Amino acid sequence: MESLLAVVIGCLYAIGLYLILERSLVKLIFGLLLWGQATNLLIFTSAGLLGGKPPIVPETGKLLSYADPLPQALILTAIVIGFGMISFTLVLSKKVYQRLHTDDLEQMKGYES
C-alpha cells in the first residue's frame, strides 16, 4: 500500500509542477493545490499506515498497536490553512482578471497600476 501511495504522491507532485510552469494563473493555483495535497499524503504515509487502528491509547494502559495522532493533527491543520489560502488566491485571481481581462502571467507583467 505504501508503494502505491508513493507513486500517487509522485504523480501529484509532477502534475502540480507541470501546472505551476504553465502561463495561466488558474493553472498555477491548481498546481499549488495539488502540491498541498501531495504534501498531506506524504506526511500521512510517512507516519505509517495502520488500517482500522484508532489514534488513541486504550484506558487499560496496554500498548497495543495504535495510529500516531500527530501526523493526523498536522494534516487536518494543513487542510484548513490550505483551504483558506486557496480561497483567498481564487478571489484575488478573479479580481485580477476583472481588472486586466487576462489570466496570462506573461501579459500581466506589462501592466502598471
Protein backbone atom coordinates (compact mmCIF):
# COMPACT_ATOMS: atom_id res chain seq x y z
CA MET A 1 0.00 0.00 0.00
CA GLU A 2 2.85 2.38 0.79
CA SER A 3 4.40 1.85 -2.63
CA LEU A 4 1.10 2.68 -4.34
CA LEU A 5 0.79 5.87 -2.28
CA ALA A 6 4.40 6.76 -3.14
CA VAL A 7 3.54 6.53 -6.84
CA VAL A 8 0.38 8.61 -6.33
CA ILE A 9 2.33 11.24 -4.37
CA GLY A 10 4.98 11.39 -7.09
CA CYS A 11 2.32 11.80 -9.77
CA LEU A 12 0.61 14.59 -7.81
CA TYR A 13 3.91 16.44 -7.41
CA ALA A 14 4.69 16.00 -11.13
CA ILE A 15 1.26 17.19 -12.27
CA GLY A 16 1.43 20.10 -9.82
CA LEU A 17 4.85 21.11 -11.15
CA TYR A 18 3.57 20.93 -14.73
CA LEU A 19 0.61 23.16 -13.85
CA ILE A 20 2.80 25.64 -11.97
CA LEU A 21 5.04 26.04 -15.02
CA GLU A 22 2.08 26.95 -17.25
CA ARG A 23 1.38 30.59 -18.07
CA SER A 24 -2.19 30.66 -16.75
CA LEU A 25 -2.91 32.00 -13.27
CA VAL A 26 -5.71 29.47 -12.71
CA LYS A 27 -3.40 26.57 -13.60
CA LEU A 28 -0.83 27.96 -11.17
CA ILE A 29 -3.42 27.94 -8.39
CA PHE A 30 -4.46 24.36 -9.15
CA GLY A 31 -0.81 23.30 -9.25
CA LEU A 32 -0.28 24.74 -5.78
CA LEU A 33 -3.43 22.95 -4.62
CA LEU A 34 -2.08 19.63 -5.91
CA TRP A 35 1.27 20.24 -4.21
CA GLY A 36 -0.50 20.84 -0.91
CA GLN A 37 -2.50 17.64 -1.21
CA ALA A 38 0.61 15.68 -2.19
CA THR A 39 2.41 17.02 0.87
CA ASN A 40 -0.51 15.99 3.09
CA LEU A 41 -0.38 12.48 1.67
CA LEU A 42 3.38 12.39 2.16
CA ILE A 43 3.06 13.28 5.84
CA PHE A 44 0.26 10.75 6.26
CA THR A 45 2.25 7.98 4.57
CA SER A 46 5.48 8.72 6.44
CA ALA A 47 3.68 8.10 9.75
CA GLY A 48 2.89 4.55 8.69
CA LEU A 49 -0.39 3.08 7.62
CA LEU A 50 -2.29 1.17 10.27
CA GLY A 51 -5.71 0.35 8.86
CA GLY A 52 -8.56 0.49 11.33
CA LYS A 53 -6.45 1.42 14.37
CA PRO A 54 -7.63 4.35 16.48
CA PRO A 55 -5.22 7.24 17.18
CA ILE A 56 -5.55 6.75 20.96
CA VAL A 57 -4.15 4.52 23.68
CA PRO A 58 -6.82 2.39 25.38
CA GLU A 59 -7.76 3.12 29.00
CA THR A 60 -6.46 -0.27 30.07
CA GLY A 61 -2.94 1.04 29.56
CA LYS A 62 -1.91 -1.85 27.36
CA LEU A 63 0.06 -0.52 24.44
CA LEU A 64 -1.49 -2.25 21.50
CA SER A 65 -0.82 -1.06 18.00
CA TYR A 66 -2.35 2.37 17.55
CA ALA A 67 -2.02 5.11 14.98
CA ASP A 68 0.14 8.12 15.73
CA PRO A 69 -2.22 11.11 16.21
CA LEU A 70 0.38 13.82 15.49
CA PRO A 71 0.52 13.45 11.68
CA GLN A 72 -3.27 13.34 11.55
CA ALA A 73 -3.50 16.59 13.53
CA LEU A 74 -0.87 18.22 11.30
CA ILE A 75 -2.74 17.18 8.17
CA LEU A 76 -6.07 18.48 9.47
CA THR A 77 -4.44 21.81 10.27
CA ALA A 78 -2.79 21.92 6.85
CA ILE A 79 -6.11 21.20 5.12
CA VAL A 80 -7.79 24.11 6.89
CA ILE A 81 -4.92 26.51 6.19
CA GLY A 82 -4.69 25.31 2.59
CA PHE A 83 -8.42 25.84 2.07
CA GLY A 84 -8.13 29.40 3.34
CA MET A 85 -5.12 30.14 1.15
CA ILE A 86 -6.72 28.67 -1.98
CA SER A 87 -9.95 30.60 -1.33
CA PHE A 88 -8.02 33.84 -0.94
CA THR A 89 -5.97 33.13 -4.07
CA LEU A 90 -9.05 32.34 -6.17
CA VAL A 91 -10.76 35.58 -5.09
CA LEU A 92 -7.57 37.52 -5.79
CA SER A 93 -7.23 35.95 -9.23
CA LYS A 94 -10.86 36.82 -10.01
CA LYS A 95 -10.20 40.46 -9.13
CA VAL A 96 -7.04 40.47 -11.26
CA TYR A 97 -8.94 39.01 -14.20
CA GLN A 98 -11.73 41.59 -13.82
CA ARG A 99 -9.20 44.40 -13.85
CA LEU A 100 -6.74 43.19 -16.51
CA HIS A 101 -9.04 40.92 -18.60
CA THR A 102 -6.39 38.21 -18.83
CA ASP A 103 -5.06 35.34 -16.76
CA ASP A 104 -1.80 35.01 -18.70
CA LEU A 105 1.11 35.68 -16.36
CA GLU A 106 3.37 37.00 -19.14
CA GLN A 107 0.78 39.59 -20.18
CA MET A 108 0.31 40.68 -16.56
CA LYS A 109 3.97 41.73 -16.33
CA GLY A 110 3.40 44.62 -18.76
CA TYR A 111 0.52 46.20 -16.85
CA GLU A 112 1.05 49.04 -14.42
CA SER A 113 -1.34 50.07 -11.69
